[in-house]
Amino acid sequence: MEALEYEIKELIISSLSLEDISADEIDSTSPLFVEGLGLDSIDALELGLALQKRYGVSLSADSEETRRHFSSVRALSEFVASSRA
């Protein structure tokens, strides 16, 4: 699971062009939006597309479930792992 979390951190950095941060600096349990990384709704769309391309997962645009998956890197990696199974 740690390898997947690291992969997702790298995907966040590359898909959102966050050049001033490294994967090691992103806490897997910190919020991705507002506090934590401070991402916004545009970032969520871009990240959702990147996740769909990379892992073939499908996310519904504005559901409570999707918001839960996007709460942290750990939640995203758990979602990707369960979608693969």
PDB file of N, CA and C in Angstrom:
ATOM      1  N   MET A   1       0.826  -1.194   0.000  1.00  0.00           N
ATOM      2  CA  MET A   1       0.000   0.000   0.000  1.00  0.00           C
ATOM      3  C   MET A   1       0.874   1.263   0.000  1.00  0.00           C
ATOM      4  N   GLU A   2       2.019   1.204   0.691  1.00  0.00           N
ATOM      5  CA  GLU A   2       2.891   2.374   0.728  1.00  0.00           C
ATOM      6  C   GLU A   2       3.402   2.753  -0.650  1.00  0.00           C
ATOM      7  N   ALA A   3       3.690   1.740  -1.472  1.00  0.00           N
ATOM      8  CA  ALA A   3       4.168   2.008  -2.835  1.00  0.00           C
ATOM      9  C   ALA A   3       3.085   2.717  -3.639  1.00  0.00           C
ATOM     10  N   LEU A   4       1.843   2.292  -3.465  1.00  0.00           N
ATOM     11  CA  LEU A   4       0.725   2.920  -4.172  1.00  0.00           C
ATOM     12  C   LEU A   4       0.533   4.360  -3.685  1.00  0.00           C
ATOM     13  N   GLU A   5       0.648   4.576  -2.390  1.00  0.00           N
ATOM     14  CA  GLU A   5       0.535   5.946  -1.853  1.00  0.00           C
ATOM     15  C   GLU A   5       1.613   6.836  -2.459  1.00  0.00           C
ATOM     16  N   TYR A   6       2.831   6.333  -2.545  1.00  0.00           N
ATOM     17  CA  TYR A   6       3.927   7.117  -3.115  1.00  0.00           C
ATOM     18  C   TYR A   6       3.651   7.430  -4.586  1.00  0.00           C
ATOM     19  N   GLU A   7       3.149   6.425  -5.309  1.00  0.00           N
ATOM     20  CA  GLU A   7       2.796   6.596  -6.724  1.00  0.00           C
ATOM     21  C   GLU A   7       1.742   7.691  -6.889  1.00  0.00           C
ATOM     22  N   ILE A   8       0.740   7.676  -6.019  1.00  0.00           N
ATOM     23  CA  ILE A   8      -0.332   8.671  -6.089  1.00  0.00           C
ATOM     24  C   ILE A   8       0.203  10.062  -5.748  1.00  0.00           C
ATOM     25  N   LYS A   9       1.111  10.144  -4.774  1.00  0.00           N
ATOM     26  CA  LYS A   9       1.734  11.430  -4.449  1.00  0.00           C
ATOM     27  C   LYS A   9       2.465  11.979  -5.678  1.00  0.00           C
ATOM     28  N   GLU A  10       3.211  11.102  -6.367  1.00  0.00           N
ATOM     29  CA  GLU A  10       3.930  11.529  -7.575  1.00  0.00           C
ATOM     30  C   GLU A  10       2.948  11.954  -8.667  1.00  0.00           C
ATOM     31  N   LEU A  11       1.826  11.243  -8.772  1.00  0.00           N
ATOM     32  CA  LEU A  11       0.792  11.589  -9.754  1.00  0.00           C
ATOM     33  C   LEU A  11       0.195  12.959  -9.435  1.00  0.00           C
ATOM     34  N   ILE A  12      -0.060  13.230  -8.169  1.00  0.00           N
ATOM     35  CA  ILE A  12      -0.582  14.542  -7.746  1.00  0.00           C
ATOM     36  C   ILE A  12       0.398  15.637  -8.157  1.00  0.00           C
ATOM     37  N   ILE A  13       1.676  15.428  -7.863  1.00  0.00           N
ATOM     38  CA  ILE A  13       2.698  16.430  -8.170  1.00  0.00           C
ATOM     39  C   ILE A  13       2.790  16.669  -9.676  1.00  0.00           C
ATOM     40  N   SER A  14       2.838  15.593 -10.459  1.00  0.00           N
ATOM     41  CA  SER A  14       3.002  15.765 -11.905  1.00  0.00           C
ATOM     42  C   SER A  14       1.738  16.284 -12.575  1.00  0.00           C
ATOM     43  N   SER A  15       0.576  15.769 -12.198  1.00  0.00           N
ATOM     44  CA  SER A  15      -0.654  16.194 -12.882  1.00  0.00           C
ATOM     45  C   SER A  15      -1.068  17.615 -12.506  1.00  0.00           C
ATOM     46  N   LEU A  16      -0.655  18.087 -11.340  1.00  0.00           N
ATOM     47  CA  LEU A  16      -1.025  19.432 -10.908  1.00  0.00           C
ATOM     48  C   LEU A  16       0.154  20.407 -10.978  1.00  0.00           C
ATOM     49  N   SER A  17       1.260  19.961 -11.546  1.00  0.00           N
ATOM     50  CA  SER A  17       2.462  20.797 -11.703  1.00  0.00           C
ATOM     51  C   SER A  17       2.906  21.451 -10.395  1.00  0.00           C
ATOM     52  N   LEU A  18       3.005  20.646  -9.360  1.00  0.00           N
ATOM     53  CA  LEU A  18       3.442  21.155  -8.051  1.00  0.00           C
ATOM     54  C   LEU A  18       4.953  20.958  -7.921  1.00  0.00           C
ATOM     55  N   GLU A  19       5.717  21.770  -8.648  1.00  0.00           N
ATOM     56  CA  GLU A  19       7.161  21.590  -8.685  1.00  0.00           C
ATOM     57  C   GLU A  19       7.867  21.885  -7.369  1.00  0.00           C
ATOM     58  N   ASP A  20       7.249  22.678  -6.511  1.00  0.00           N
ATOM     59  CA  ASP A  20       7.930  23.094  -5.283  1.00  0.00           C
ATOM     60  C   ASP A  20       7.722  22.141  -4.100  1.00  0.00           C
ATOM     61  N   ILE A  21       7.221  20.944  -4.365  1.00  0.00           N
ATOM     62  CA  ILE A  21       6.986  19.981  -3.288  1.00  0.00           C
ATOM     63  C   ILE A  21       7.420  18.593  -3.768  1.00  0.00           C
ATOM     64  N   SER A  22       7.909  17.782  -2.839  1.00  0.00           N
ATOM     65  CA  SER A  22       8.296  16.415  -3.202  1.00  0.00           C
ATOM     66  C   SER A  22       7.294  15.439  -2.596  1.00  0.00           C
ATOM     67  N   ALA A  23       7.283  14.230  -3.119  1.00  0.00           N
ATOM     68  CA  ALA A  23       6.350  13.211  -2.625  1.00  0.00           C
ATOM     69  C   ALA A  23       6.568  12.946  -1.142  1.00  0.00           C
ATOM     70  N   ASP A  24       7.820  13.023  -0.702  1.00  0.00           N
ATOM     71  CA  ASP A  24       8.123  12.774   0.713  1.00  0.00           C
ATOM     72  C   ASP A  24       7.537  13.836   1.636  1.00  0.00           C
ATOM     73  N   GLU A  25       7.260  15.016   1.090  1.00  0.00           N
ATOM     74  CA  GLU A  25       6.711  16.102   1.910  1.00  0.00           C
ATOM     75  C   GLU A  25       5.192  16.014   2.072  1.00  0.00           C
ATOM     76  N   ILE A  26       4.543  15.168   1.292  1.00  0.00           N
ATOM     77  CA  ILE A  26       3.090  15.040   1.371  1.00  0.00           C
ATOM     78  C   ILE A  26       2.748  13.971   2.405  1.00  0.00           C
ATOM     79  N   ASP A  27       1.998  14.362   3.422  1.00  0.00           N
ATOM     80  CA  ASP A  27       1.563  13.418   4.455  1.00  0.00           C
ATOM     81  C   ASP A  27       0.369  12.635   3.919  1.00  0.00           C
ATOM     82  N   SER A  28       0.455  11.312   3.986  1.00  0.00           N
ATOM     83  CA  SER A  28      -0.596  10.447   3.436  1.00  0.00           C
ATOM     84  C   SER A  28      -1.947  10.631   4.108  1.00  0.00           C
ATOM     85  N   THR A  29      -1.934  11.121   5.344  1.00  0.00           N
ATOM     86  CA  THR A  29      -3.196  11.263   6.071  1.00  0.00           C
ATOM     87  C   THR A  29      -3.708  12.696   6.132  1.00  0.00           C
ATOM     88  N   SER A  30      -2.926  13.650   5.629  1.00  0.00           N
ATOM     89  CA  SER A  30      -3.360  15.054   5.640  1.00  0.00           C
ATOM     90  C   SER A  30      -4.435  15.302   4.591  1.00  0.00           C
ATOM     91  N   PRO A  31      -5.300  16.278   4.853  1.00  0.00           N
ATOM     92  CA  PRO A  31      -6.329  16.618   3.856  1.00  0.00           C
ATOM     93  C   PRO A  31      -5.681  17.124   2.564  1.00  0.00           C
ATOM     94  N   LEU A  32      -6.300  16.811   1.439  1.00  0.00           N
ATOM     95  CA  LEU A  32      -5.794  17.302   0.158  1.00  0.00           C
ATOM     96  C   LEU A  32      -6.336  18.695  -0.142  1.00  0.00           C
ATOM     97  N   PHE A  33      -7.515  19.000   0.390  1.00  0.00           N
ATOM     98  CA  PHE A  33      -8.177  20.267   0.077  1.00  0.00           C
ATOM     99  C   PHE A  33      -8.194  21.183   1.291  1.00  0.00           C
ATOM    100  N   VAL A  34      -8.265  22.487   1.021  1.00  0.00           N
ATOM    101  CA  VAL A  34      -8.267  23.556   2.020  1.00  0.00           C
ATOM    102  C   VAL A  34      -6.980  23.478   2.849  1.00  0.00           C
ATOM    103  N   GLU A  35      -7.012  22.799   4.023  1.00  0.00           N
ATOM    104  CA  GLU A  35      -5.757  22.648   4.763  1.00  0.00           C
ATOM    105  C   GLU A  35      -4.938  21.586   4.035  1.00  0.00           C
ATOM    106  N   GLY A  36      -3.832  21.192   4.606  1.00  0.00           N
ATOM    107  CA  GLY A  36      -3.012  20.177   3.946  1.00  0.00           C
ATOM    108  C   GLY A  36      -2.400  20.742   2.674  1.00  0.00           C
ATOM    109  N   LEU A  37      -2.671  20.096   1.537  1.00  0.00           N
ATOM    110  CA  LEU A  37      -2.093  20.548   0.266  1.00  0.00           C
ATOM    111  C   LEU A  37      -2.764  21.797  -0.282  1.00  0.00           C
ATOM    112  N   GLY A  38      -3.976  22.068   0.171  1.00  0.00           N
ATOM    113  CA  GLY A  38      -4.658  23.282  -0.274  1.00  0.00           C
ATOM    114  C   GLY A  38      -5.162  23.234  -1.707  1.00  0.00           C
ATOM    115  N   LEU A  39      -5.545  22.050  -2.171  1.00  0.00           N
ATOM    116  CA  LEU A  39      -6.054  21.923  -3.535  1.00  0.00           C
ATOM    117  C   LEU A  39      -7.451  22.525  -3.643  1.00  0.00           C
ATOM    118  N   ASP A  40      -7.871  22.836  -4.883  1.00  0.00           N
ATOM    119  CA  ASP A  40      -9.210  23.386  -5.101  1.00  0.00           C
ATOM    120  C   ASP A  40      -9.993  22.485  -6.061  1.00  0.00           C
ATOM    121  N   SER A  41     -11.181  22.922  -6.465  1.00  0.00           N
ATOM    122  CA  SER A  41     -12.053  22.083  -7.288  1.00  0.00           C
ATOM    123  C   SER A  41     -11.475  21.808  -8.675  1.00  0.00           C
ATOM    124  N   ILE A  42     -10.747  22.762  -9.235  1.00  0.00           N
ATOM    125  CA  ILE A  42     -10.098  22.544 -10.534  1.00  0.00           C
ATOM    126  C   ILE A  42      -9.032  21.456 -10.393  1.00  0.00           C
ATOM    127  N   ASP A  43      -8.265  21.517  -9.296  1.00  0.00           N
ATOM    128  CA  ASP A  43      -7.267  20.483  -9.022  1.00  0.00           C
ATOM    129  C   ASP A  43      -7.937  19.115  -8.901  1.00  0.00           C
ATOM    130  N   ALA A  44      -9.102  19.075  -8.261  1.00  0.00           N
ATOM    131  CA  ALA A  44      -9.825  17.810  -8.092  1.00  0.00           C
ATOM    132  C   ALA A  44     -10.189  17.213  -9.452  1.00  0.00           C
ATOM    133  N   LEU A  45     -10.645  18.049 -10.365  1.00  0.00           N
ATOM    134  CA  LEU A  45     -10.989  17.567 -11.709  1.00  0.00           C
ATOM    135  C   LEU A  45      -9.766  17.018 -12.433  1.00  0.00           C
ATOM    136  N   GLU A  46      -8.666  17.768 -12.381  1.00  0.00           N
ATOM    137  CA  GLU A  46      -7.442  17.337 -13.046  1.00  0.00           C
ATOM    138  C   GLU A  46      -6.911  16.041 -12.435  1.00  0.00           C
ATOM    139  N   LEU A  47      -6.946  15.962 -11.117  1.00  0.00           N
ATOM    140  CA  LEU A  47      -6.476  14.764 -10.434  1.00  0.00           C
ATOM    141  C   LEU A  47      -7.383  13.575 -10.747  1.00  0.00           C
ATOM    142  N   GLY A  48      -8.688  13.821 -10.790  1.00  0.00           N
ATOM    143  CA  GLY A  48      -9.635  12.756 -11.145  1.00  0.00           C
ATOM    144  C   GLY A  48      -9.350  12.193 -12.521  1.00  0.00           C
ATOM    145  N   LEU A  49      -9.082  13.077 -13.492  1.00  0.00           N
ATOM    146  CA  LEU A  49      -8.751  12.635 -14.846  1.00  0.00           C
ATOM    147  C   LEU A  49      -7.450  11.841 -14.862  1.00  0.00           C
ATOM    148  N   ALA A  50      -6.455  12.314 -14.132  1.00  0.00           N
ATOM    149  CA  ALA A  50      -5.167  11.613 -14.070  1.00  0.00           C
ATOM    150  C   ALA A  50      -5.337  10.220 -13.467  1.00  0.00           C
ATOM    151  N   LEU A  51      -6.157  10.117 -12.427  1.00  0.00           N
ATOM    152  CA  LEU A  51      -6.415   8.814 -11.797  1.00  0.00           C
ATOM    153  C   LEU A  51      -7.140   7.872 -12.755  1.00  0.00           C
ATOM    154  N   GLN A  52      -8.103   8.426 -13.516  1.00  0.00           N
ATOM    155  CA  GLN A  52      -8.824   7.612 -14.491  1.00  0.00           C
ATOM    156  C   GLN A  52      -7.884   7.082 -15.566  1.00  0.00           C
ATOM    157  N   LYS A  53      -7.007   7.954 -16.075  1.00  0.00           N
ATOM    158  CA  LYS A  53      -6.053   7.542 -17.110  1.00  0.00           C
ATOM    159  C   LYS A  53      -5.079   6.496 -16.589  1.00  0.00           C
ATOM    160  N   ARG A  54      -4.525   6.739 -15.411  1.00  0.00           N
ATOM    161  CA  ARG A  54      -3.461   5.889 -14.865  1.00  0.00           C
ATOM    162  C   ARG A  54      -3.978   4.557 -14.339  1.00  0.00           C
ATOM    163  N   TYR A  55      -5.114   4.589 -13.624  1.00  0.00           N
ATOM    164  CA  TYR A  55      -5.587   3.385 -12.936  1.00  0.00           C
ATOM    165  C   TYR A  55      -6.911   2.835 -13.465  1.00  0.00           C
ATOM    166  N   GLY A  56      -7.539   3.555 -14.383  1.00  0.00           N
ATOM    167  CA  GLY A  56      -8.804   3.094 -14.936  1.00  0.00           C
ATOM    168  C   GLY A  56      -9.969   3.132 -13.963  1.00  0.00           C
ATOM    169  N   VAL A  57      -9.852   3.927 -12.912  1.00  0.00           N
ATOM    170  CA  VAL A  57     -10.948   4.036 -11.938  1.00  0.00           C
ATOM    171  C   VAL A  57     -11.982   5.030 -12.455  1.00  0.00           C
ATOM    172  N   SER A  58     -13.222   4.839 -12.081  1.00  0.00           N
ATOM    173  CA  SER A  58     -14.229   5.825 -12.484  1.00  0.00           C
ATOM    174  C   SER A  58     -14.787   6.502 -11.246  1.00  0.00           C
ATOM    175  N   LEU A  59     -14.895   7.813 -11.343  1.00  0.00           N
ATOM    176  CA  LEU A  59     -15.356   8.626 -10.223  1.00  0.00           C
ATOM    177  C   LEU A  59     -16.562   9.435 -10.670  1.00  0.00           C
ATOM    178  N   SER A  60     -17.589   9.478  -9.837  1.00  0.00           N
ATOM    179  CA  SER A  60     -18.709  10.338 -10.197  1.00  0.00           C
ATOM    180  C   SER A  60     -18.391  11.755  -9.744  1.00  0.00           C
ATOM    181  N   ALA A  61     -18.812  12.705 -10.546  1.00  0.00           N
ATOM    182  CA  ALA A  61     -18.361  14.093 -10.406  1.00  0.00           C
ATOM    183  C   ALA A  61     -18.570  14.688  -9.016  1.00  0.00           C
ATOM    184  N   ASP A  62     -19.751  14.624  -8.483  1.00  0.00           N
ATOM    185  CA  ASP A  62     -19.996  15.365  -7.249  1.00  0.00           C
ATOM    186  C   ASP A  62     -20.744  14.526  -6.223  1.00  0.00           C
ATOM    187  N   SER A  63     -20.190  13.373  -5.891  1.00  0.00           N
ATOM    188  CA  SER A  63     -20.869  12.545  -4.909  1.00  0.00           C
ATOM    189  C   SER A  63     -20.131  12.600  -3.577  1.00  0.00           C
ATOM    190  N   GLU A  64     -20.845  12.289  -2.533  1.00  0.00           N
ATOM    191  CA  GLU A  64     -20.255  12.253  -1.195  1.00  0.00           C
ATOM    192  C   GLU A  64     -19.146  11.201  -1.142  1.00  0.00           C
ATOM    193  N   GLU A  65     -19.362  10.085  -1.821  1.00  0.00           N
ATOM    194  CA  GLU A  65     -18.377   9.006  -1.855  1.00  0.00           C
ATOM    195  C   GLU A  65     -17.064   9.489  -2.486  1.00  0.00           C
ATOM    196  N   THR A  66     -17.163  10.225  -3.596  1.00  0.00           N
ATOM    197  CA  THR A  66     -15.967  10.755  -4.252  1.00  0.00           C
ATOM    198  C   THR A  66     -15.241  11.723  -3.333  1.00  0.00           C
ATOM    199  N   ARG A  67     -15.983  12.552  -2.617  1.00  0.00           N
ATOM    200  CA  ARG A  67     -15.355  13.478  -1.666  1.00  0.00           C
ATOM    201  C   ARG A  67     -14.570  12.713  -0.597  1.00  0.00           C
ATOM    202  N   ARG A  68     -15.122  11.597  -0.143  1.00  0.00           N
ATOM    203  CA  ARG A  68     -14.414  10.778   0.855  1.00  0.00           C
ATOM    204  C   ARG A  68     -13.115  10.225   0.267  1.00  0.00           C
ATOM    205  N   HIS A  69     -13.174   9.734  -0.979  1.00  0.00           N
ATOM    206  CA  HIS A  69     -11.975   9.186  -1.624  1.00  0.00           C
ATOM    207  C   HIS A  69     -10.889  10.243  -1.768  1.00  0.00           C
ATOM    208  N   PHE A  70     -11.282  11.486  -1.992  1.00  0.00           N
ATOM    209  CA  PHE A  70     -10.332  12.574  -2.202  1.00  0.00           C
ATOM    210  C   PHE A  70      -9.920  13.257  -0.896  1.00  0.00           C
ATOM    211  N   SER A  71     -10.279  12.677   0.241  1.00  0.00           N
ATOM    212  CA  SER A  71      -9.965  13.341   1.515  1.00  0.00           C
ATOM    213  C   SER A  71      -8.471  13.328   1.824  1.00  0.00           C
ATOM    214  N   SER A  72      -7.750  12.282   1.395  1.00  0.00           N
ATOM    215  CA  SER A  72      -6.308  12.198   1.662  1.00  0.00           C
ATOM    216  C   SER A  72      -5.668  11.240   0.655  1.00  0.00           C
ATOM    217  N   VAL A  73      -4.360  11.238   0.622  1.00  0.00           N
ATOM    218  CA  VAL A  73      -3.641  10.298  -0.247  1.00  0.00           C
ATOM    219  C   VAL A  73      -3.973   8.861   0.161  1.00  0.00           C
ATOM    220  N   ARG A  74      -4.031   8.611   1.459  1.00  0.00           N
ATOM    221  CA  ARG A  74      -4.332   7.259   1.940  1.00  0.00           C
ATOM    222  C   ARG A  74      -5.713   6.812   1.458  1.00  0.00           C
ATOM    223  N   ALA A  75      -6.711   7.699   1.556  1.00  0.00           N
ATOM    224  CA  ALA A  75      -8.066   7.354   1.104  1.00  0.00           C
ATOM    225  C   ALA A  75      -8.076   7.082  -0.400  1.00  0.00           C
ATOM    226  N   LEU A  76      -7.336   7.878  -1.158  1.00  0.00           N
ATOM    227  CA  LEU A  76      -7.246   7.666  -2.614  1.00  0.00           C
ATOM    228  C   LEU A  76      -6.601   6.322  -2.928  1.00  0.00           C
ATOM    229  N   SER A  77      -5.525   5.992  -2.219  1.00  0.00           N
ATOM    230  CA  SER A  77      -4.838   4.736  -2.511  1.00  0.00           C
ATOM    231  C   SER A  77      -5.712   3.541  -2.131  1.00  0.00           C
ATOM    232  N   GLU A  78      -6.484   3.655  -1.059  1.00  0.00           N
ATOM    233  CA  GLU A  78      -7.405   2.580  -0.671  1.00  0.00           C
ATOM    234  C   GLU A  78      -8.484   2.411  -1.745  1.00  0.00           C
ATOM    235  N   PHE A  79      -8.975   3.527  -2.274  1.00  0.00           N
ATOM    236  CA  PHE A  79      -9.975   3.479  -3.337  1.00  0.00           C
ATOM    237  C   PHE A  79      -9.413   2.818  -4.598  1.00  0.00           C
ATOM    238  N   VAL A  80      -8.214   3.223  -5.006  1.00  0.00           N
ATOM    239  CA  VAL A  80      -7.589   2.647  -6.196  1.00  0.00           C
ATOM    240  C   VAL A  80      -7.355   1.154  -6.001  1.00  0.00           C
ATOM    241  N   ALA A  81      -6.840   0.783  -4.832  1.00  0.00           N
ATOM    242  CA  ALA A  81      -6.571  -0.639  -4.539  1.00  0.00           C
ATOM    243  C   ALA A  81      -7.853  -1.460  -4.581  1.00  0.00           C
ATOM    244  N   SER A  82      -8.942  -0.939  -4.001  1.00  0.00           N
ATOM    245  CA  SER A  82     -10.203  -1.685  -4.001  1.00  0.00           C
ATOM    246  C   SER A  82     -10.825  -1.740  -5.396  1.00  0.00           C
ATOM    247  N   SER A  83     -10.569  -0.728  -6.213  1.00  0.00           N
ATOM    248  CA  SER A  83     -11.100  -0.730  -7.568  1.00  0.00           C
ATOM    249  C   SER A  83     -10.374  -1.744  -8.452  1.00  0.00           C
ATOM    250  N   ARG A  84      -9.116  -1.996  -8.140  1.00  0.00           N
ATOM    251  CA  ARG A  84      -8.319  -2.959  -8.897  1.00  0.00           C
ATOM    252  C   ARG A  84      -8.719  -4.388  -8.580  1.00  0.00           C
ATOM    253  N   ALA A  85      -9.158  -4.612  -7.345  1.00  0.00           N
ATOM    254  CA  ALA A  85      -9.438  -5.986  -6.871  1.00  0.00           C
ATOM    255  C   ALA A  85     -10.639  -6.598  -7.554  1.00  0.00           C
TER     256      ALA A  85
END
